[in-house]
Amino acid sequence: MAGEIETRARGHLGADVVVKQTPGGREVAEFDIAVGVRKRVPATATDAEHWEDVRTDWVRVSVWGKSVDSIRTLAKGTLVEVFGRLNPSAYINKNTGEAGISLDVIADRVLVVPRAPRAAAA
């Protein structure tokens, strides 16, 4: 894997997983995850230290091979952690004509992050 950037991303699925088949017969699962970016805001005389949401980055994920079977039923909103290779690509926005960068990950592993149980209402 010389020259490749390994990455980990954690976020919620923006839509259900879509499974496609290539002309060669291989399956690929594709989905987008929303990754919230936050920053720490130091304490001031009137406010305690806290975290502030800055933006949401969208990451396009592709999963190939046997791993497709374990994720094909994941639904929108599922919290996942993705491990794989970063494959950024440039694009031109069709509406504005502005250049942008797409964050794409070719995933080796996708883990569903379990949600903490909710406390019982009193």
PDB file of N, CA and C in Angstrom:
ATOM      1  N   MET A   1       0.816  -1.190   0.000  1.00  0.00           N
ATOM      2  CA  MET A   1       0.000   0.000   0.000  1.00  0.00           C
ATOM      3  C   MET A   1       0.860   1.254   0.000  1.00  0.00           C
ATOM      4  N   ALA A   2       2.027   1.183  -0.576  1.00  0.00           N
ATOM      5  CA  ALA A   2       2.901   2.347  -0.627  1.00  0.00           C
ATOM      6  C   ALA A   2       2.230   3.460  -1.408  1.00  0.00           C
ATOM      7  N   GLY A   3       2.300   4.668  -0.876  1.00  0.00           N
ATOM      8  CA  GLY A   3       1.748   5.820  -1.559  1.00  0.00           C
ATOM      9  C   GLY A   3       0.259   6.025  -1.371  1.00  0.00           C
ATOM     10  N   GLU A   4      -0.394   5.221  -0.561  1.00  0.00           N
ATOM     11  CA  GLU A   4      -1.821   5.381  -0.319  1.00  0.00           C
ATOM     12  C   GLU A   4      -2.043   5.990   1.060  1.00  0.00           C
ATOM     13  N   ILE A   5      -3.128   6.700   1.208  1.00  0.00           N
ATOM     14  CA  ILE A   5      -3.454   7.335   2.476  1.00  0.00           C
ATOM     15  C   ILE A   5      -4.525   6.500   3.161  1.00  0.00           C
ATOM     16  N   GLU A   6      -4.174   5.902   4.289  1.00  0.00           N
ATOM     17  CA  GLU A   6      -5.159   5.150   5.061  1.00  0.00           C
ATOM     18  C   GLU A   6      -5.939   6.121   5.927  1.00  0.00           C
ATOM     19  N   THR A   7      -7.232   5.863   6.075  1.00  0.00           N
ATOM     20  CA  THR A   7      -8.071   6.783   6.825  1.00  0.00           C
ATOM     21  C   THR A   7      -9.144   6.052   7.609  1.00  0.00           C
ATOM     22  N   ARG A   8      -9.725   6.774   8.552  1.00  0.00           N
ATOM     23  CA  ARG A   8     -10.860   6.285   9.337  1.00  0.00           C
ATOM     24  C   ARG A   8     -11.863   7.425   9.412  1.00  0.00           C
ATOM     25  N   ALA A   9     -13.108   7.133   9.145  1.00  0.00           N
ATOM     26  CA  ALA A   9     -14.163   8.150   9.212  1.00  0.00           C
ATOM     27  C   ALA A   9     -15.343   7.575   9.971  1.00  0.00           C
ATOM     28  N   ARG A  10     -15.978   8.427  10.775  1.00  0.00           N
ATOM     29  CA  ARG A  10     -17.134   8.003  11.560  1.00  0.00           C
ATOM     30  C   ARG A  10     -18.272   8.974  11.290  1.00  0.00           C
ATOM     31  N   GLY A  11     -19.417   8.427  10.905  1.00  0.00           N
ATOM     32  CA  GLY A  11     -20.552   9.296  10.625  1.00  0.00           C
ATOM     33  C   GLY A  11     -21.813   8.502  10.382  1.00  0.00           C
ATOM     34  N   HIS A  12     -22.880   9.221  10.092  1.00  0.00           N
ATOM     35  CA  HIS A  12     -24.192   8.617   9.854  1.00  0.00           C
ATOM     36  C   HIS A  12     -24.453   8.490   8.358  1.00  0.00           C
ATOM     37  N   LEU A  13     -25.065   7.378   7.955  1.00  0.00           N
ATOM     38  CA  LEU A  13     -25.424   7.185   6.558  1.00  0.00           C
ATOM     39  C   LEU A  13     -26.456   8.222   6.145  1.00  0.00           C
ATOM     40  N   GLY A  14     -26.215   8.852   4.986  1.00  0.00           N
ATOM     41  CA  GLY A  14     -27.145   9.847   4.466  1.00  0.00           C
ATOM     42  C   GLY A  14     -28.306   9.218   3.729  1.00  0.00           C
ATOM     43  N   ALA A  15     -28.182   7.952   3.361  1.00  0.00           N
ATOM     44  CA  ALA A  15     -29.236   7.201   2.665  1.00  0.00           C
ATOM     45  C   ALA A  15     -28.934   5.716   2.839  1.00  0.00           C
ATOM     46  N   ASP A  16     -29.872   4.868   2.459  1.00  0.00           N
ATOM     47  CA  ASP A  16     -29.650   3.427   2.522  1.00  0.00           C
ATOM     48  C   ASP A  16     -28.483   3.036   1.605  1.00  0.00           C
ATOM     49  N   VAL A  17     -27.806   1.953   1.946  1.00  0.00           N
ATOM     50  CA  VAL A  17     -26.724   1.426   1.121  1.00  0.00           C
ATOM     51  C   VAL A  17     -27.288   0.974  -0.228  1.00  0.00           C
ATOM     52  N   VAL A  18     -26.567   1.292  -1.300  1.00  0.00           N
ATOM     53  CA  VAL A  18     -26.955   0.864  -2.645  1.00  0.00           C
ATOM     54  C   VAL A  18     -25.918  -0.140  -3.130  1.00  0.00           C
ATOM     55  N   VAL A  19     -26.380  -1.325  -3.560  1.00  0.00           N
ATOM     56  CA  VAL A  19     -25.481  -2.363  -4.070  1.00  0.00           C
ATOM     57  C   VAL A  19     -25.648  -2.441  -5.584  1.00  0.00           C
ATOM     58  N   LYS A  20     -24.522  -2.345  -6.286  1.00  0.00           N
ATOM     59  CA  LYS A  20     -24.532  -2.420  -7.749  1.00  0.00           C
ATOM     60  C   LYS A  20     -23.650  -3.578  -8.187  1.00  0.00           C
ATOM     61  N   GLN A  21     -23.827  -3.997  -9.433  1.00  0.00           N
ATOM     62  CA  GLN A  21     -22.993  -5.050  -9.992  1.00  0.00           C
ATOM     63  C   GLN A  21     -22.246  -4.488 -11.197  1.00  0.00           C
ATOM     64  N   THR A  22     -20.936  -4.736 -11.240  1.00  0.00           N
ATOM     65  CA  THR A  22     -20.131  -4.273 -12.363  1.00  0.00           C
ATOM     66  C   THR A  22     -20.383  -5.171 -13.575  1.00  0.00           C
ATOM     67  N   PRO A  23     -20.011  -4.710 -14.778  1.00  0.00           N
ATOM     68  CA  PRO A  23     -20.158  -5.569 -15.964  1.00  0.00           C
ATOM     69  C   PRO A  23     -19.408  -6.899 -15.813  1.00  0.00           C
ATOM     70  N   GLY A  24     -18.350  -6.909 -15.006  1.00  0.00           N
ATOM     71  CA  GLY A  24     -17.592  -8.135 -14.775  1.00  0.00           C
ATOM     72  C   GLY A  24     -18.207  -9.051 -13.730  1.00  0.00           C
ATOM     73  N   GLY A  25     -19.337  -8.628 -13.133  1.00  0.00           N
ATOM     74  CA  GLY A  25     -20.020  -9.484 -12.174  1.00  0.00           C
ATOM     75  C   GLY A  25     -19.654  -9.243 -10.723  1.00  0.00           C
ATOM     76  N   ARG A  26     -18.772  -8.278 -10.435  1.00  0.00           N
ATOM     77  CA  ARG A  26     -18.419  -7.984  -9.040  1.00  0.00           C
ATOM     78  C   ARG A  26     -19.435  -7.043  -8.422  1.00  0.00           C
ATOM     79  N   GLU A  27     -19.704  -7.251  -7.132  1.00  0.00           N
ATOM     80  CA  GLU A  27     -20.624  -6.372  -6.418  1.00  0.00           C
ATOM     81  C   GLU A  27     -19.852  -5.256  -5.723  1.00  0.00           C
ATOM     82  N   VAL A  28     -20.464  -4.066  -5.707  1.00  0.00           N
ATOM     83  CA  VAL A  28     -19.915  -2.927  -4.975  1.00  0.00           C
ATOM     84  C   VAL A  28     -21.068  -2.263  -4.231  1.00  0.00           C
ATOM     85  N   ALA A  29     -20.833  -1.975  -2.955  1.00  0.00           N
ATOM     86  CA  ALA A  29     -21.819  -1.256  -2.147  1.00  0.00           C
ATOM     87  C   ALA A  29     -21.339   0.189  -2.041  1.00  0.00           C
ATOM     88  N   GLU A  30     -22.269   1.123  -2.196  1.00  0.00           N
ATOM     89  CA  GLU A  30     -21.921   2.535  -2.135  1.00  0.00           C
ATOM     90  C   GLU A  30     -22.867   3.255  -1.183  1.00  0.00           C
ATOM     91  N   PHE A  31     -22.296   4.207  -0.433  1.00  0.00           N
ATOM     92  CA  PHE A  31     -23.095   5.041   0.452  1.00  0.00           C
ATOM     93  C   PHE A  31     -22.291   6.277   0.821  1.00  0.00           C
ATOM     94  N   ASP A  32     -23.000   7.286   1.323  1.00  0.00           N
ATOM     95  CA  ASP A  32     -22.372   8.519   1.807  1.00  0.00           C
ATOM     96  C   ASP A  32     -22.563   8.585   3.310  1.00  0.00           C
ATOM     97  N   ILE A  33     -21.550   9.112   3.999  1.00  0.00           N
ATOM     98  CA  ILE A  33     -21.708   9.355   5.431  1.00  0.00           C
ATOM     99  C   ILE A  33     -21.470  10.836   5.718  1.00  0.00           C
ATOM    100  N   ALA A  34     -22.236  11.347   6.668  1.00  0.00           N
ATOM    101  CA  ALA A  34     -22.094  12.725   7.125  1.00  0.00           C
ATOM    102  C   ALA A  34     -21.170  12.719   8.337  1.00  0.00           C
ATOM    103  N   VAL A  35     -20.060  13.443   8.218  1.00  0.00           N
ATOM    104  CA  VAL A  35     -19.069  13.512   9.288  1.00  0.00           C
ATOM    105  C   VAL A  35     -19.088  14.924   9.853  1.00  0.00           C
ATOM    106  N   GLY A  36     -19.513  15.045  11.102  1.00  0.00           N
ATOM    107  CA  GLY A  36     -19.566  16.357  11.745  1.00  0.00           C
ATOM    108  C   GLY A  36     -18.179  16.805  12.172  1.00  0.00           C
ATOM    109  N   VAL A  37     -17.857  18.047  11.852  1.00  0.00           N
ATOM    110  CA  VAL A  37     -16.572  18.632  12.239  1.00  0.00           C
ATOM    111  C   VAL A  37     -16.852  19.634  13.356  1.00  0.00           C
ATOM    112  N   ARG A  38     -16.126  19.478  14.468  1.00  0.00           N
ATOM    113  CA  ARG A  38     -16.340  20.327  15.639  1.00  0.00           C
ATOM    114  C   ARG A  38     -15.033  20.977  16.058  1.00  0.00           C
ATOM    115  N   LYS A  39     -15.148  22.082  16.805  1.00  0.00           N
ATOM    116  CA  LYS A  39     -13.953  22.713  17.366  1.00  0.00           C
ATOM    117  C   LYS A  39     -14.218  23.032  18.836  1.00  0.00           C
ATOM    118  N   ARG A  40     -13.140  23.040  19.598  1.00  0.00           N
ATOM    119  CA  ARG A  40     -13.246  23.345  21.020  1.00  0.00           C
ATOM    120  C   ARG A  40     -13.208  24.861  21.193  1.00  0.00           C
ATOM    121  N   VAL A  41     -14.141  25.377  21.964  1.00  0.00           N
ATOM    122  CA  VAL A  41     -14.192  26.800  22.263  1.00  0.00           C
ATOM    123  C   VAL A  41     -13.734  26.965  23.706  1.00  0.00           C
ATOM    124  N   PRO A  42     -12.632  27.682  23.913  1.00  0.00           N
ATOM    125  CA  PRO A  42     -12.111  27.843  25.278  1.00  0.00           C
ATOM    126  C   PRO A  42     -13.082  28.595  26.183  1.00  0.00           C
ATOM    127  N   ALA A  43     -12.924  28.389  27.466  1.00  0.00           N
ATOM    128  CA  ALA A  43     -13.766  29.060  28.460  1.00  0.00           C
ATOM    129  C   ALA A  43     -13.500  30.568  28.432  1.00  0.00           C
ATOM    130  N   THR A  44     -14.540  31.323  28.699  1.00  0.00           N
ATOM    131  CA  THR A  44     -14.423  32.779  28.839  1.00  0.00           C
ATOM    132  C   THR A  44     -14.955  33.155  30.212  1.00  0.00           C
ATOM    133  N   ALA A  45     -14.991  34.429  30.492  1.00  0.00           N
ATOM    134  CA  ALA A  45     -15.493  34.895  31.791  1.00  0.00           C
ATOM    135  C   ALA A  45     -16.970  34.559  31.970  1.00  0.00           C
ATOM    136  N   THR A  46     -17.697  34.439  30.862  1.00  0.00           N
ATOM    137  CA  THR A  46     -19.141  34.198  30.978  1.00  0.00           C
ATOM    138  C   THR A  46     -19.570  32.796  30.557  1.00  0.00           C
ATOM    139  N   ASP A  47     -18.737  32.072  29.808  1.00  0.00           N
ATOM    140  CA  ASP A  47     -19.106  30.743  29.310  1.00  0.00           C
ATOM    141  C   ASP A  47     -18.053  29.707  29.664  1.00  0.00           C
ATOM    142  N   ALA A  48     -18.505  28.478  29.943  1.00  0.00           N
ATOM    143  CA  ALA A  48     -17.596  27.364  30.180  1.00  0.00           C
ATOM    144  C   ALA A  48     -17.054  26.868  28.833  1.00  0.00           C
ATOM    145  N   GLU A  49     -15.955  26.131  28.892  1.00  0.00           N
ATOM    146  CA  GLU A  49     -15.424  25.518  27.680  1.00  0.00           C
ATOM    147  C   GLU A  49     -16.487  24.602  27.088  1.00  0.00           C
ATOM    148  N   HIS A  50     -16.593  24.614  25.752  1.00  0.00           N
ATOM    149  CA  HIS A  50     -17.577  23.765  25.095  1.00  0.00           C
ATOM    150  C   HIS A  50     -17.139  23.478  23.661  1.00  0.00           C
ATOM    151  N   TRP A  51     -17.873  22.570  23.027  1.00  0.00           N
ATOM    152  CA  TRP A  51     -17.607  22.217  21.631  1.00  0.00           C
ATOM    153  C   TRP A  51     -18.647  22.869  20.755  1.00  0.00           C
ATOM    154  N   GLU A  52     -18.220  23.300  19.569  1.00  0.00           N
ATOM    155  CA  GLU A  52     -19.117  23.966  18.630  1.00  0.00           C
ATOM    156  C   GLU A  52     -19.052  23.246  17.280  1.00  0.00           C
ATOM    157  N   ASP A  53     -20.219  22.996  16.693  1.00  0.00           N
ATOM    158  CA  ASP A  53     -20.268  22.387  15.358  1.00  0.00           C
ATOM    159  C   ASP A  53     -19.812  23.410  14.331  1.00  0.00           C
ATOM    160  N   VAL A  54     -18.875  23.007  13.466  1.00  0.00           N
ATOM    161  CA  VAL A  54     -18.331  23.909  12.445  1.00  0.00           C
ATOM    162  C   VAL A  54     -18.996  23.663  11.100  1.00  0.00           C
ATOM    163  N   ARG A  55     -19.052  22.393  10.695  1.00  0.00           N
ATOM    164  CA  ARG A  55     -19.635  22.049   9.392  1.00  0.00           C
ATOM    165  C   ARG A  55     -19.848  20.534   9.347  1.00  0.00           C
ATOM    166  N   THR A  56     -20.476  20.091   8.269  1.00  0.00           N
ATOM    167  CA  THR A  56     -20.627  18.665   8.014  1.00  0.00           C
ATOM    168  C   THR A  56     -19.933  18.350   6.702  1.00  0.00           C
ATOM    169  N   ASP A  57     -19.006  17.409   6.726  1.00  0.00           N
ATOM    170  CA  ASP A  57     -18.352  16.934   5.507  1.00  0.00           C
ATOM    171  C   ASP A  57     -19.036  15.641   5.081  1.00  0.00           C
ATOM    172  N   TRP A  58     -19.212  15.476   3.765  1.00  0.00           N
ATOM    173  CA  TRP A  58     -19.795  14.252   3.236  1.00  0.00           C
ATOM    174  C   TRP A  58     -18.695  13.412   2.620  1.00  0.00           C
ATOM    175  N   VAL A  59     -18.663  12.140   2.987  1.00  0.00           N
ATOM    176  CA  VAL A  59     -17.652  11.206   2.494  1.00  0.00           C
ATOM    177  C   VAL A  59     -18.355  10.104   1.720  1.00  0.00           C
ATOM    178  N   ARG A  60     -17.927   9.894   0.479  1.00  0.00           N
ATOM    179  CA  ARG A  60     -18.477   8.836  -0.381  1.00  0.00           C
ATOM    180  C   ARG A  60     -17.692   7.567  -0.104  1.00  0.00           C
ATOM    181  N   VAL A  61     -18.377   6.448   0.159  1.00  0.00           N
ATOM    182  CA  VAL A  61     -17.724   5.195   0.524  1.00  0.00           C
ATOM    183  C   VAL A  61     -18.101   4.102  -0.473  1.00  0.00           C
ATOM    184  N   SER A  62     -17.095   3.334  -0.900  1.00  0.00           N
ATOM    185  CA  SER A  62     -17.307   2.163  -1.752  1.00  0.00           C
ATOM    186  C   SER A  62     -16.743   0.944  -1.043  1.00  0.00           C
ATOM    187  N   VAL A  63     -17.505  -0.150  -1.066  1.00  0.00           N
ATOM    188  CA  VAL A  63     -17.083  -1.404  -0.439  1.00  0.00           C
ATOM    189  C   VAL A  63     -17.177  -2.502  -1.490  1.00  0.00           C
ATOM    190  N   TRP A  64     -16.112  -3.267  -1.639  1.00  0.00           N
ATOM    191  CA  TRP A  64     -16.037  -4.321  -2.655  1.00  0.00           C
ATOM    192  C   TRP A  64     -15.918  -5.692  -2.006  1.00  0.00           C
ATOM    193  N   GLY A  65     -16.266  -6.732  -2.764  1.00  0.00           N
ATOM    194  CA  GLY A  65     -16.000  -8.113  -2.353  1.00  0.00           C
ATOM    195  C   GLY A  65     -16.951  -8.649  -1.301  1.00  0.00           C
ATOM    196  N   LYS A  66     -16.428  -9.553  -0.486  1.00  0.00           N
ATOM    197  CA  LYS A  66     -17.234 -10.258   0.504  1.00  0.00           C
ATOM    198  C   LYS A  66     -17.823  -9.324   1.560  1.00  0.00           C
ATOM    199  N   SER A  67     -17.196  -8.182   1.791  1.00  0.00           N
ATOM    200  CA  SER A  67     -17.686  -7.239   2.801  1.00  0.00           C
ATOM    201  C   SER A  67     -19.050  -6.664   2.447  1.00  0.00           C
ATOM    202  N   VAL A  68     -19.434  -6.725   1.170  1.00  0.00           N
ATOM    203  CA  VAL A  68     -20.721  -6.182   0.737  1.00  0.00           C
ATOM    204  C   VAL A  68     -21.865  -6.873   1.474  1.00  0.00           C
ATOM    205  N   ASP A  69     -21.785  -8.179   1.665  1.00  0.00           N
ATOM    206  CA  ASP A  69     -22.871  -8.931   2.300  1.00  0.00           C
ATOM    207  C   ASP A  69     -23.190  -8.432   3.701  1.00  0.00           C
ATOM    208  N   SER A  70     -22.176  -7.995   4.443  1.00  0.00           N
ATOM    209  CA  SER A  70     -22.400  -7.599   5.830  1.00  0.00           C
ATOM    210  C   SER A  70     -22.997  -6.200   5.969  1.00  0.00           C
ATOM    211  N   ILE A  71     -23.021  -5.417   4.892  1.00  0.00           N
ATOM    212  CA  ILE A  71     -23.534  -4.046   5.013  1.00  0.00           C
ATOM    213  C   ILE A  71     -24.707  -3.738   4.085  1.00  0.00           C
ATOM    214  N   ARG A  72     -25.093  -4.654   3.257  1.00  0.00           N
ATOM    215  CA  ARG A  72     -26.093  -4.351   2.220  1.00  0.00           C
ATOM    216  C   ARG A  72     -27.425  -3.884   2.781  1.00  0.00           C
ATOM    217  N   THR A  73     -27.754  -4.214   4.021  1.00  0.00           N
ATOM    218  CA  THR A  73     -29.051  -3.837   4.590  1.00  0.00           C
ATOM    219  C   THR A  73     -28.982  -2.606   5.497  1.00  0.00           C
ATOM    220  N   LEU A  74     -27.834  -1.952   5.567  1.00  0.00           N
ATOM    221  CA  LEU A  74     -27.733  -0.774   6.436  1.00  0.00           C
ATOM    222  C   LEU A  74     -28.616   0.349   5.903  1.00  0.00           C
ATOM    223  N   ALA A  75     -29.278   1.034   6.821  1.00  0.00           N
ATOM    224  CA  ALA A  75     -30.248   2.058   6.450  1.00  0.00           C
ATOM    225  C   ALA A  75     -29.777   3.458   6.820  1.00  0.00           C
ATOM    226  N   LYS A  76     -30.417   4.418   6.200  1.00  0.00           N
ATOM    227  CA  LYS A  76     -30.150   5.829   6.468  1.00  0.00           C
ATOM    228  C   LYS A  76     -30.151   6.090   7.970  1.00  0.00           C
ATOM    229  N   GLY A  77     -29.182   6.876   8.423  1.00  0.00           N
ATOM    230  CA  GLY A  77     -29.091   7.233   9.836  1.00  0.00           C
ATOM    231  C   GLY A  77     -28.214   6.322  10.664  1.00  0.00           C
ATOM    232  N   THR A  78     -27.842   5.159  10.144  1.00  0.00           N
ATOM    233  CA  THR A  78     -26.990   4.228  10.888  1.00  0.00           C
ATOM    234  C   THR A  78     -25.622   4.858  11.111  1.00  0.00           C
ATOM    235  N   LEU A  79     -25.128   4.787  12.348  1.00  0.00           N
ATOM    236  CA  LEU A  79     -23.801   5.312  12.671  1.00  0.00           C
ATOM    237  C   LEU A  79     -22.770   4.235  12.358  1.00  0.00           C
ATOM    238  N   VAL A  80     -21.789   4.569  11.505  1.00  0.00           N
ATOM    239  CA  VAL A  80     -20.765   3.607  11.109  1.00  0.00           C
ATOM    240  C   VAL A  80     -19.381   4.210  11.263  1.00  0.00           C
ATOM    241  N   GLU A  81     -18.406   3.333  11.364  1.00  0.00           N
ATOM    242  CA  GLU A  81     -16.997   3.722  11.330  1.00  0.00           C
ATOM    243  C   GLU A  81     -16.379   2.972  10.158  1.00  0.00           C
ATOM    244  N   VAL A  82     -15.734   3.715   9.274  1.00  0.00           N
ATOM    245  CA  VAL A  82     -15.208   3.186   8.025  1.00  0.00           C
ATOM    246  C   VAL A  82     -13.686   3.262   8.054  1.00  0.00           C
ATOM    247  N   PHE A  83     -13.034   2.168   7.675  1.00  0.00           N
ATOM    248  CA  PHE A  83     -11.574   2.111   7.586  1.00  0.00           C
ATOM    249  C   PHE A  83     -11.219   1.790   6.140  1.00  0.00           C
ATOM    250  N   GLY A  84     -10.295   2.543   5.558  1.00  0.00           N
ATOM    251  CA  GLY A  84      -9.941   2.267   4.176  1.00  0.00           C
ATOM    252  C   GLY A  84      -8.919   3.228   3.621  1.00  0.00           C
ATOM    253  N   ARG A  85      -8.927   3.362   2.294  1.00  0.00           N
ATOM    254  CA  ARG A  85      -7.962   4.195   1.579  1.00  0.00           C
ATOM    255  C   ARG A  85      -8.661   5.430   1.034  1.00  0.00           C
ATOM    256  N   LEU A  86      -8.073   6.583   1.302  1.00  0.00           N
ATOM    257  CA  LEU A  86      -8.619   7.837   0.812  1.00  0.00           C
ATOM    258  C   LEU A  86      -8.311   7.978  -0.667  1.00  0.00           C
ATOM    259  N   ASN A  87      -9.328   8.354  -1.433  1.00  0.00           N
ATOM    260  CA  ASN A  87      -9.182   8.509  -2.871  1.00  0.00           C
ATOM    261  C   ASN A  87      -9.864   9.817  -3.288  1.00  0.00           C
ATOM    262  N   PRO A  88      -9.240  10.988  -2.945  1.00  0.00           N
ATOM    263  CA  PRO A  88      -9.880  12.267  -3.270  1.00  0.00           C
ATOM    264  C   PRO A  88      -9.895  12.495  -4.777  1.00  0.00           C
ATOM    265  N   SER A  89     -10.919  13.194  -5.248  1.00  0.00           N
ATOM    266  CA  SER A  89     -10.985  13.507  -6.673  1.00  0.00           C
ATOM    267  C   SER A  89     -11.573  14.898  -6.869  1.00  0.00           C
ATOM    268  N   ALA A  90     -11.149  15.549  -7.924  1.00  0.00           N
ATOM    269  CA  ALA A  90     -11.629  16.890  -8.238  1.00  0.00           C
ATOM    270  C   ALA A  90     -12.890  16.796  -9.090  1.00  0.00           C
ATOM    271  N   TYR A  91     -13.752  17.790  -8.962  1.00  0.00           N
ATOM    272  CA  TYR A  91     -14.958  17.851  -9.780  1.00  0.00           C
ATOM    273  C   TYR A  91     -15.338  19.307 -10.017  1.00  0.00           C
ATOM    274  N   ILE A  92     -16.214  19.525 -10.979  1.00  0.00           N
ATOM    275  CA  ILE A  92     -16.778  20.847 -11.249  1.00  0.00           C
ATOM    276  C   ILE A  92     -18.267  20.792 -10.928  1.00  0.00           C
ATOM    277  N   ASN A  93     -18.726  21.685 -10.050  1.00  0.00           N
ATOM    278  CA  ASN A  93     -20.133  21.741  -9.677  1.00  0.00           C
ATOM    279  C   ASN A  93     -20.957  22.138 -10.895  1.00  0.00           C
ATOM    280  N   LYS A  94     -21.941  21.313 -11.250  1.00  0.00           N
ATOM    281  CA  LYS A  94     -22.755  21.561 -12.450  1.00  0.00           C
ATOM    282  C   LYS A  94     -23.579  22.834 -12.332  1.00  0.00           C
ATOM    283  N   ASN A  95     -23.987  23.186 -11.120  1.00  0.00           N
ATOM    284  CA  ASN A  95     -24.847  24.360 -10.933  1.00  0.00           C
ATOM    285  C   ASN A  95     -24.069  25.669 -10.882  1.00  0.00           C
ATOM    286  N   THR A  96     -22.909  25.655 -10.214  1.00  0.00           N
ATOM    287  CA  THR A  96     -22.163  26.904 -10.015  1.00  0.00           C
ATOM    288  C   THR A  96     -20.932  27.025 -10.899  1.00  0.00           C
ATOM    289  N   GLY A  97     -20.448  25.895 -11.433  1.00  0.00           N
ATOM    290  CA  GLY A  97     -19.229  25.921 -12.225  1.00  0.00           C
ATOM    291  C   GLY A  97     -17.963  25.979 -11.391  1.00  0.00           C
ATOM    292  N   GLU A  98     -18.111  25.939 -10.069  1.00  0.00           N
ATOM    293  CA  GLU A  98     -16.955  26.006  -9.167  1.00  0.00           C
ATOM    294  C   GLU A  98     -16.301  24.636  -9.020  1.00  0.00           C
ATOM    295  N   ALA A  99     -14.981  24.655  -8.857  1.00  0.00           N
ATOM    296  CA  ALA A  99     -14.233  23.420  -8.638  1.00  0.00           C
ATOM    297  C   ALA A  99     -14.388  22.981  -7.184  1.00  0.00           C
ATOM    298  N   GLY A 100     -14.359  21.674  -6.961  1.00  0.00           N
ATOM    299  CA  GLY A 100     -14.451  21.131  -5.613  1.00  0.00           C
ATOM    300  C   GLY A 100     -13.669  19.841  -5.502  1.00  0.00           C
ATOM    301  N   ILE A 101     -13.569  19.345  -4.290  1.00  0.00           N
ATOM    302  CA  ILE A 101     -12.883  18.085  -4.018  1.00  0.00           C
ATOM    303  C   ILE A 101     -13.885  17.116  -3.403  1.00  0.00           C
ATOM    304  N   SER A 102     -13.943  15.918  -3.938  1.00  0.00           N
ATOM    305  CA  SER A 102     -14.792  14.864  -3.404  1.00  0.00           C
ATOM    306  C   SER A 102     -13.941  13.965  -2.513  1.00  0.00           C
ATOM    307  N   LEU A 103     -14.416  13.705  -1.297  1.00  0.00           N
ATOM    308  CA  LEU A 103     -13.716  12.809  -0.382  1.00  0.00           C
ATOM    309  C   LEU A 103     -14.293  11.416  -0.548  1.00  0.00           C
ATOM    310  N   ASP A 104     -13.543  10.536  -1.197  1.00  0.00           N
ATOM    311  CA  ASP A 104     -13.987   9.164  -1.449  1.00  0.00           C
ATOM    312  C   ASP A 104     -13.103   8.207  -0.661  1.00  0.00           C
ATOM    313  N   VAL A 105     -13.722   7.182  -0.092  1.00  0.00           N
ATOM    314  CA  VAL A 105     -12.984   6.156   0.638  1.00  0.00           C
ATOM    315  C   VAL A 105     -13.327   4.803   0.041  1.00  0.00           C
ATOM    316  N   ILE A 106     -12.307   4.029  -0.275  1.00  0.00           N
ATOM    317  CA  ILE A 106     -12.484   2.637  -0.668  1.00  0.00           C
ATOM    318  C   ILE A 106     -12.274   1.841   0.614  1.00  0.00           C
ATOM    319  N   ALA A 107     -13.361   1.335   1.165  1.00  0.00           N
ATOM    320  CA  ALA A 107     -13.333   0.762   2.506  1.00  0.00           C
ATOM    321  C   ALA A 107     -12.880  -0.691   2.516  1.00  0.00           C
ATOM    322  N   ASP A 108     -12.014  -0.993   3.478  1.00  0.00           N
ATOM    323  CA  ASP A 108     -11.607  -2.364   3.760  1.00  0.00           C
ATOM    324  C   ASP A 108     -12.517  -2.972   4.820  1.00  0.00           C
ATOM    325  N   ARG A 109     -13.053  -2.069   5.690  1.00  0.00           N
ATOM    326  CA  ARG A 109     -13.852  -2.538   6.823  1.00  0.00           C
ATOM    327  C   ARG A 109     -14.880  -1.470   7.195  1.00  0.00           C
ATOM    328  N   VAL A 110     -16.086  -1.900   7.492  1.00  0.00           N
ATOM    329  CA  VAL A 110     -17.150  -1.004   7.941  1.00  0.00           C
ATOM    330  C   VAL A 110     -17.739  -1.598   9.213  1.00  0.00           C
ATOM    331  N   LEU A 111     -17.729  -0.826  10.281  1.00  0.00           N
ATOM    332  CA  LEU A 111     -18.283  -1.281  11.554  1.00  0.00           C
ATOM    333  C   LEU A 111     -19.512  -0.459  11.897  1.00  0.00           C
ATOM    334  N   VAL A 112     -20.564  -1.120  12.335  1.00  0.00           N
ATOM    335  CA  VAL A 112     -21.738  -0.419  12.839  1.00  0.00           C
ATOM    336  C   VAL A 112     -21.436  -0.054  14.287  1.00  0.00           C
ATOM    337  N   VAL A 113     -21.600   1.211  14.630  1.00  0.00           N
ATOM    338  CA  VAL A 113     -21.326   1.681  15.984  1.00  0.00           C
ATOM    339  C   VAL A 113     -22.613   1.557  16.789  1.00  0.00           C
ATOM    340  N   PRO A 114     -22.589   0.744  17.848  1.00  0.00           N
ATOM    341  CA  PRO A 114     -23.816   0.579  18.636  1.00  0.00           C
ATOM    342  C   PRO A 114     -24.156   1.863  19.384  1.00  0.00           C
ATOM    343  N   ARG A 115     -25.429   2.122  19.484  1.00  0.00           N
ATOM    344  CA  ARG A 115     -25.885   3.298  20.220  1.00  0.00           C
ATOM    345  C   ARG A 115     -26.008   2.950  21.703  1.00  0.00           C
ATOM    346  N   ALA A 116     -25.689   3.916  22.540  1.00  0.00           N
ATOM    347  CA  ALA A 116     -25.829   3.712  23.979  1.00  0.00           C
ATOM    348  C   ALA A 116     -27.308   3.584  24.322  1.00  0.00           C
ATOM    349  N   PRO A 117     -27.627   2.712  25.260  1.00  0.00           N
ATOM    350  CA  PRO A 117     -29.045   2.561  25.626  1.00  0.00           C
ATOM    351  C   PRO A 117     -29.570   3.856  26.238  1.00  0.00           C
ATOM    352  N   ARG A 118     -30.825   4.166  25.960  1.00  0.00           N
ATOM    353  CA  ARG A 118     -31.454   5.368  26.499  1.00  0.00           C
ATOM    354  C   ARG A 118     -31.850   5.131  27.935  1.00  0.00           C
ATOM    355  N   ALA A 119     -31.719   6.158  28.732  1.00  0.00           N
ATOM    356  CA  ALA A 119     -32.153   6.054  30.124  1.00  0.00           C
ATOM    357  C   ALA A 119     -33.665   6.005  30.184  1.00  0.00           C
ATOM    358  N   ALA A 120     -34.197   5.211  31.096  1.00  0.00           N
ATOM    359  CA  ALA A 120     -35.655   5.098  31.245  1.00  0.00           C
ATOM    360  C   ALA A 120     -36.223   6.409  31.747  1.00  0.00           C
ATOM    361  N   ALA A 121     -37.359   6.779  31.200  1.00  0.00           N
ATOM    362  CA  ALA A 121     -38.020   8.024  31.626  1.00  0.00           C
ATOM    363  C   ALA A 121     -38.604   7.828  33.013  1.00  0.00           C
ATOM    364  N   ALA A 122     -38.548   8.876  33.815  1.00  0.00           N
ATOM    365  CA  ALA A 122     -39.049   8.786  35.198  1.00  0.00           C
ATOM    366  C   ALA A 122     -40.536   8.936  35.259  1.00  0.00           C
TER     367      ALA A 122
END
